[in-house]
Amino acid sequence: MRSLEELKALYAAFLQITNIHMRRLLSAIVERIDSVMKEYRCDTYYINPSFHVSVMWCLSDVTVRDDCEKLLAKMQEFWERVEHDCPEIFAMPVSSVVCKAGNKTFLFKLATVS
């Protein structure tokens, strides 16, 4: 088991895919959930939430932080090329959104777009 000092010296970095086109829809869903949370005097979701899918993460000692950042930069370049060259692989139909809070699961069915 790592000591507290060892844990403080760890560095985490993430590579994520963000869909800016879905931000409006996902923000509307979060707003509806927030309104219910407020009714029950519970905490709401994050301010300025980041809707994304994590593709890769790196946890390492801060002494190798530069190596980790270089790797993540190369991965970012790769994904940007893929997104530009093959945008269709990032398009997938979504029919519902599932939110889990504690032991409760909420299913939100989305309207289909023709």
N, C-alpha and C. Protein backbone atom coordinates (compact mmCIF):
# COMPACT_ATOMS: atom_id res chain seq x y z
N MET A 1 0.85 -1.19 0.00
CA MET A 1 0.00 0.00 0.00
C MET A 1 0.89 1.24 0.00
N ARG A 2 0.49 2.22 -0.79
CA ARG A 2 1.27 3.46 -0.90
C ARG A 2 0.99 4.39 0.27
N SER A 3 2.01 5.12 0.66
CA SER A 3 1.84 6.11 1.71
C SER A 3 1.14 7.34 1.14
N LEU A 4 0.68 8.21 2.02
CA LEU A 4 0.01 9.44 1.59
C LEU A 4 0.95 10.29 0.74
N GLU A 5 2.22 10.37 1.12
CA GLU A 5 3.19 11.15 0.34
C GLU A 5 3.38 10.56 -1.06
N GLU A 6 3.42 9.22 -1.17
CA GLU A 6 3.55 8.59 -2.48
C GLU A 6 2.33 8.87 -3.34
N LEU A 7 1.14 8.84 -2.73
CA LEU A 7 -0.08 9.11 -3.48
C LEU A 7 -0.11 10.55 -3.98
N LYS A 8 0.40 11.47 -3.17
CA LYS A 8 0.44 12.88 -3.58
C LYS A 8 1.36 13.08 -4.78
N ALA A 9 2.35 12.21 -4.94
CA ALA A 9 3.32 12.35 -6.02
C ALA A 9 2.84 11.69 -7.32
N LEU A 10 1.65 11.11 -7.33
CA LEU A 10 1.14 10.49 -8.54
C LEU A 10 0.48 11.54 -9.42
N TYR A 11 0.50 11.28 -10.69
CA TYR A 11 -0.05 12.20 -11.68
C TYR A 11 -1.01 11.42 -12.57
N ALA A 12 -2.19 11.93 -12.77
CA ALA A 12 -3.16 11.27 -13.65
C ALA A 12 -3.47 12.18 -14.83
N ALA A 13 -3.54 11.59 -16.00
CA ALA A 13 -3.88 12.34 -17.20
C ALA A 13 -4.89 11.52 -17.99
N PHE A 14 -5.79 12.21 -18.69
CA PHE A 14 -6.86 11.53 -19.42
C PHE A 14 -6.93 12.03 -20.85
N LEU A 15 -7.26 11.12 -21.76
CA LEU A 15 -7.58 11.49 -23.13
C LEU A 15 -9.06 11.19 -23.30
N GLN A 16 -9.82 12.18 -23.71
CA GLN A 16 -11.26 11.99 -23.81
C GLN A 16 -11.80 12.46 -25.15
N ILE A 17 -12.93 11.88 -25.53
CA ILE A 17 -13.64 12.31 -26.73
C ILE A 17 -14.86 13.09 -26.25
N THR A 18 -15.02 14.27 -26.79
CA THR A 18 -16.15 15.13 -26.41
C THR A 18 -17.02 15.35 -27.64
N ASN A 19 -18.33 15.25 -27.45
CA ASN A 19 -19.25 15.48 -28.55
C ASN A 19 -19.95 16.82 -28.31
N ILE A 20 -19.46 17.87 -28.97
CA ILE A 20 -20.04 19.20 -28.76
C ILE A 20 -21.45 19.31 -29.33
N HIS A 21 -21.78 18.45 -30.30
CA HIS A 21 -23.11 18.52 -30.91
C HIS A 21 -24.19 18.01 -29.97
N MET A 22 -23.84 17.14 -29.05
CA MET A 22 -24.82 16.58 -28.12
C MET A 22 -24.90 17.39 -26.82
N ARG A 23 -24.06 18.37 -26.68
CA ARG A 23 -24.01 19.14 -25.43
C ARG A 23 -25.37 19.75 -25.07
N ARG A 24 -26.07 20.31 -26.06
CA ARG A 24 -27.35 20.95 -25.78
C ARG A 24 -28.36 19.94 -25.23
N LEU A 25 -28.45 18.78 -25.86
CA LEU A 25 -29.38 17.74 -25.40
C LEU A 25 -29.01 17.24 -24.01
N LEU A 26 -27.74 16.92 -23.81
CA LEU A 26 -27.32 16.40 -22.51
C LEU A 26 -27.46 17.46 -21.42
N SER A 27 -27.21 18.71 -21.76
CA SER A 27 -27.40 19.80 -20.78
C SER A 27 -28.87 19.92 -20.38
N ALA A 28 -29.77 19.76 -21.35
CA ALA A 28 -31.21 19.81 -21.04
C ALA A 28 -31.61 18.68 -20.10
N ILE A 29 -31.05 17.50 -20.31
CA ILE A 29 -31.35 16.37 -19.41
C ILE A 29 -30.84 16.67 -18.01
N VAL A 30 -29.62 17.19 -17.91
CA VAL A 30 -29.05 17.52 -16.61
C VAL A 30 -29.88 18.59 -15.91
N GLU A 31 -30.36 19.58 -16.65
CA GLU A 31 -31.19 20.64 -16.07
C GLU A 31 -32.47 20.06 -15.46
N ARG A 32 -33.08 19.09 -16.16
CA ARG A 32 -34.30 18.47 -15.64
C ARG A 32 -34.00 17.68 -14.37
N ILE A 33 -32.88 16.98 -14.37
CA ILE A 33 -32.48 16.22 -13.18
C ILE A 33 -32.19 17.18 -12.03
N ASP A 34 -31.48 18.29 -12.34
CA ASP A 34 -31.17 19.29 -11.31
C ASP A 34 -32.42 19.86 -10.67
N SER A 35 -33.46 20.11 -11.47
CA SER A 35 -34.69 20.68 -10.91
C SER A 35 -35.32 19.74 -9.90
N VAL A 36 -35.26 18.44 -10.17
CA VAL A 36 -35.78 17.46 -9.21
C VAL A 36 -34.90 17.41 -7.97
N MET A 37 -33.59 17.44 -8.17
CA MET A 37 -32.67 17.41 -7.04
C MET A 37 -32.91 18.62 -6.12
N LYS A 38 -33.16 19.79 -6.73
CA LYS A 38 -33.42 21.00 -5.93
C LYS A 38 -34.70 20.85 -5.12
N GLU A 39 -35.72 20.22 -5.71
CA GLU A 39 -36.97 20.01 -4.99
C GLU A 39 -36.75 19.22 -3.70
N TYR A 40 -35.81 18.30 -3.74
CA TYR A 40 -35.52 17.46 -2.57
C TYR A 40 -34.34 18.00 -1.76
N ARG A 41 -33.95 19.24 -2.07
CA ARG A 41 -32.85 19.92 -1.37
C ARG A 41 -31.55 19.11 -1.41
N CYS A 42 -31.28 18.54 -2.56
CA CYS A 42 -30.05 17.76 -2.78
C CYS A 42 -29.09 18.57 -3.65
N ASP A 43 -27.86 18.14 -3.64
CA ASP A 43 -26.87 18.79 -4.49
C ASP A 43 -27.21 18.56 -5.96
N THR A 44 -26.93 19.55 -6.78
CA THR A 44 -27.16 19.43 -8.21
C THR A 44 -25.87 18.97 -8.89
N TYR A 45 -25.95 18.80 -10.21
CA TYR A 45 -24.82 18.34 -10.99
C TYR A 45 -23.75 19.43 -11.06
N TYR A 46 -22.64 19.13 -11.66
CA TYR A 46 -21.55 20.08 -11.78
C TYR A 46 -21.96 21.32 -12.57
N ILE A 47 -21.35 22.43 -12.24
CA ILE A 47 -21.49 23.63 -13.06
C ILE A 47 -20.58 23.40 -14.27
N ASN A 48 -21.07 23.69 -15.45
CA ASN A 48 -20.33 23.45 -16.70
C ASN A 48 -19.85 22.00 -16.81
N PRO A 49 -20.77 21.04 -16.85
CA PRO A 49 -20.37 19.64 -16.93
C PRO A 49 -19.62 19.32 -18.23
N SER A 50 -18.78 18.32 -18.17
CA SER A 50 -18.02 17.87 -19.33
C SER A 50 -18.58 16.52 -19.76
N PHE A 51 -19.29 16.51 -20.87
CA PHE A 51 -19.86 15.27 -21.39
C PHE A 51 -18.82 14.64 -22.31
N HIS A 52 -18.33 13.48 -21.93
CA HIS A 52 -17.23 12.89 -22.68
C HIS A 52 -17.15 11.38 -22.45
N VAL A 53 -16.32 10.75 -23.24
CA VAL A 53 -15.97 9.35 -23.06
C VAL A 53 -14.46 9.32 -22.88
N SER A 54 -13.99 8.74 -21.79
CA SER A 54 -12.55 8.62 -21.59
C SER A 54 -12.03 7.47 -22.43
N VAL A 55 -11.02 7.74 -23.24
CA VAL A 55 -10.46 6.75 -24.13
C VAL A 55 -9.21 6.13 -23.51
N MET A 56 -8.44 6.93 -22.82
CA MET A 56 -7.19 6.46 -22.26
C MET A 56 -6.86 7.29 -21.03
N TRP A 57 -6.25 6.66 -20.06
CA TRP A 57 -5.76 7.42 -18.93
C TRP A 57 -4.41 6.88 -18.53
N CYS A 58 -3.68 7.72 -17.84
CA CYS A 58 -2.31 7.39 -17.46
C CYS A 58 -2.12 7.83 -16.02
N LEU A 59 -1.70 6.93 -15.17
CA LEU A 59 -1.41 7.24 -13.78
C LEU A 59 0.04 6.87 -13.56
N SER A 60 0.83 7.85 -13.20
CA SER A 60 2.25 7.57 -13.02
C SER A 60 2.86 8.53 -12.01
N ASP A 61 4.08 8.27 -11.69
CA ASP A 61 4.86 9.11 -10.81
C ASP A 61 5.11 10.44 -11.52
N VAL A 62 5.12 11.53 -10.79
CA VAL A 62 5.33 12.83 -11.42
C VAL A 62 6.67 12.93 -12.14
N THR A 63 7.61 12.10 -11.80
CA THR A 63 8.92 12.15 -12.47
C THR A 63 8.81 11.73 -13.93
N VAL A 64 7.77 11.00 -14.31
CA VAL A 64 7.59 10.60 -15.71
C VAL A 64 6.41 11.33 -16.34
N ARG A 65 6.02 12.43 -15.75
CA ARG A 65 4.88 13.22 -16.23
C ARG A 65 5.06 13.65 -17.68
N ASP A 66 6.26 14.10 -18.04
CA ASP A 66 6.51 14.54 -19.41
C ASP A 66 6.27 13.42 -20.41
N ASP A 67 6.73 12.20 -20.08
CA ASP A 67 6.52 11.05 -20.96
C ASP A 67 5.03 10.78 -21.14
N CYS A 68 4.30 10.84 -20.06
CA CYS A 68 2.86 10.60 -20.09
C CYS A 68 2.18 11.67 -20.95
N GLU A 69 2.55 12.92 -20.78
CA GLU A 69 1.94 13.99 -21.56
C GLU A 69 2.27 13.87 -23.04
N LYS A 70 3.49 13.43 -23.37
CA LYS A 70 3.86 13.23 -24.77
C LYS A 70 3.01 12.12 -25.40
N LEU A 71 2.83 11.04 -24.65
CA LEU A 71 2.01 9.94 -25.14
C LEU A 71 0.57 10.40 -25.36
N LEU A 72 0.03 11.13 -24.41
CA LEU A 72 -1.34 11.62 -24.54
C LEU A 72 -1.47 12.59 -25.71
N ALA A 73 -0.46 13.42 -25.94
CA ALA A 73 -0.50 14.35 -27.08
C ALA A 73 -0.53 13.58 -28.39
N LYS A 74 0.27 12.50 -28.49
CA LYS A 74 0.27 11.68 -29.70
C LYS A 74 -1.08 11.00 -29.90
N MET A 75 -1.68 10.52 -28.81
CA MET A 75 -2.99 9.89 -28.90
C MET A 75 -4.04 10.92 -29.33
N GLN A 76 -3.94 12.13 -28.83
CA GLN A 76 -4.88 13.20 -29.20
C GLN A 76 -4.79 13.48 -30.70
N GLU A 77 -3.56 13.57 -31.22
CA GLU A 77 -3.36 13.79 -32.65
C GLU A 77 -3.98 12.66 -33.46
N PHE A 78 -3.76 11.42 -32.99
CA PHE A 78 -4.30 10.25 -33.68
C PHE A 78 -5.82 10.33 -33.75
N TRP A 79 -6.49 10.61 -32.62
CA TRP A 79 -7.96 10.66 -32.59
C TRP A 79 -8.49 11.80 -33.44
N GLU A 80 -7.77 12.92 -33.47
CA GLU A 80 -8.22 14.04 -34.31
C GLU A 80 -8.16 13.66 -35.79
N ARG A 81 -7.11 12.91 -36.19
CA ARG A 81 -7.02 12.44 -37.58
C ARG A 81 -8.14 11.46 -37.89
N VAL A 82 -8.40 10.54 -36.98
CA VAL A 82 -9.47 9.56 -37.19
C VAL A 82 -10.81 10.28 -37.31
N GLU A 83 -11.07 11.24 -36.42
CA GLU A 83 -12.33 11.97 -36.46
C GLU A 83 -12.48 12.73 -37.78
N HIS A 84 -11.40 13.29 -38.28
CA HIS A 84 -11.44 14.03 -39.53
C HIS A 84 -11.62 13.09 -40.72
N ASP A 85 -10.86 11.99 -40.75
CA ASP A 85 -10.87 11.07 -41.90
C ASP A 85 -12.07 10.13 -41.92
N CYS A 86 -12.59 9.77 -40.75
CA CYS A 86 -13.68 8.78 -40.66
C CYS A 86 -14.74 9.23 -39.66
N PRO A 87 -15.40 10.36 -39.91
CA PRO A 87 -16.36 10.87 -38.92
C PRO A 87 -17.52 9.92 -38.65
N GLU A 88 -17.82 9.03 -39.61
CA GLU A 88 -18.96 8.11 -39.42
C GLU A 88 -18.76 7.15 -38.26
N ILE A 89 -17.52 6.87 -37.86
CA ILE A 89 -17.34 5.93 -36.75
C ILE A 89 -17.71 6.55 -35.41
N PHE A 90 -17.85 7.87 -35.38
CA PHE A 90 -18.25 8.53 -34.15
C PHE A 90 -19.76 8.74 -34.06
N ALA A 91 -20.48 8.36 -35.11
CA ALA A 91 -21.93 8.52 -35.11
C ALA A 91 -22.57 7.20 -34.70
N MET A 92 -23.32 7.23 -33.63
CA MET A 92 -24.04 6.04 -33.22
C MET A 92 -25.39 6.46 -32.68
N PRO A 93 -26.41 5.69 -33.01
CA PRO A 93 -27.75 6.05 -32.52
C PRO A 93 -27.85 5.85 -31.01
N VAL A 94 -28.48 6.79 -30.36
CA VAL A 94 -28.69 6.71 -28.91
C VAL A 94 -30.18 6.82 -28.67
N SER A 95 -30.76 5.81 -28.04
CA SER A 95 -32.20 5.81 -27.82
C SER A 95 -32.58 6.14 -26.37
N SER A 96 -31.59 6.08 -25.47
CA SER A 96 -31.89 6.39 -24.07
C SER A 96 -30.63 6.79 -23.34
N VAL A 97 -30.83 7.43 -22.20
CA VAL A 97 -29.74 7.82 -21.32
C VAL A 97 -30.03 7.20 -19.97
N VAL A 98 -29.03 6.57 -19.38
CA VAL A 98 -29.19 5.94 -18.07
C VAL A 98 -28.36 6.73 -17.06
N CYS A 99 -29.00 7.15 -15.98
CA CYS A 99 -28.31 7.86 -14.90
C CYS A 99 -28.40 7.00 -13.65
N LYS A 100 -27.28 6.83 -12.98
CA LYS A 100 -27.27 6.04 -11.75
C LYS A 100 -26.82 6.94 -10.63
N ALA A 101 -27.60 6.97 -9.56
CA ALA A 101 -27.27 7.75 -8.37
C ALA A 101 -27.45 6.84 -7.17
N GLY A 102 -26.35 6.48 -6.55
CA GLY A 102 -26.44 5.54 -5.43
C GLY A 102 -26.98 4.22 -5.90
N ASN A 103 -28.03 3.73 -5.26
CA ASN A 103 -28.62 2.45 -5.67
C ASN A 103 -29.83 2.62 -6.59
N LYS A 104 -30.05 3.82 -7.08
CA LYS A 104 -31.18 4.08 -7.98
C LYS A 104 -30.69 4.30 -9.40
N THR A 105 -31.43 3.76 -10.34
CA THR A 105 -31.11 3.91 -11.75
C THR A 105 -32.31 4.56 -12.45
N PHE A 106 -32.03 5.57 -13.27
CA PHE A 106 -33.08 6.29 -13.98
C PHE A 106 -32.84 6.14 -15.47
N LEU A 107 -33.88 5.77 -16.20
CA LEU A 107 -33.80 5.60 -17.65
C LEU A 107 -34.60 6.71 -18.33
N PHE A 108 -33.95 7.45 -19.21
CA PHE A 108 -34.60 8.51 -19.96
C PHE A 108 -34.60 8.10 -21.42
N LYS A 109 -35.78 7.79 -21.95
CA LYS A 109 -35.90 7.45 -23.37
C LYS A 109 -35.89 8.73 -24.18
N LEU A 110 -35.16 8.72 -25.28
CA LEU A 110 -35.04 9.90 -26.13
C LEU A 110 -35.95 9.77 -27.33
N ALA A 111 -36.45 10.89 -27.79
CA ALA A 111 -37.28 10.89 -28.98
C ALA A 111 -36.42 10.55 -30.20
N THR A 112 -37.00 9.82 -31.12
CA THR A 112 -36.26 9.49 -32.33
C THR A 112 -36.36 10.64 -33.32
N VAL A 113 -35.26 10.87 -34.03
CA VAL A 113 -35.21 11.93 -35.04
C VAL A 113 -35.28 11.28 -36.40
N SER A 114 -36.20 11.72 -37.22
CA SER A 114 -36.34 11.13 -38.57
C SER A 114 -35.64 11.96 -39.60
